[in-house]
């Protein structure tokens, strides 16, 4: 019965933490939020299964990760110059239909992956691409010469 009580306490704590960190979907998580969610299971496992006889240890570990995540988000809002360091910057990988080999190499993006991303956006030829940008979240945005096939994310609530 003790394990049920421990699990319930940890569950409630994790629920509070995840609600307070933010409402982003998995694809929109910052690196630090994703890191926190991935490691959360390991951080609480011992506190729940009694390998560590203290629920406090699990709460402190997850609480520390949550606090650091909030601090980094605050730093990004307060000092926008920190965001490129914590989240990365977009990189142009194709300009005027020509892939930029140095950019692809530095971002460890293969030509095959770039081609697949273009096909997913309905782009048949690199000649149709005016600009392709590898976004900080790992997605590739394509801007074609005709304006069609843009892979730029739609604004939230735009319905498309």
Foldseek 3Di string as FASTA:
>chain_A
DQLVVLVVVLVVLVVVLVVVLDDDDPLPDFPLVVVLVVCLCVLQVCSNVVVPVDSVSSSVVSVVSSVVSVVLVVCCVVPVVCCCVRQNAKDWQAAQLRGDVVRCVVVVNDPVNVCVLQVVLVHDGSNQFHIWIQGSSRHIFTQGPVRGSTPDDDPPPPPD
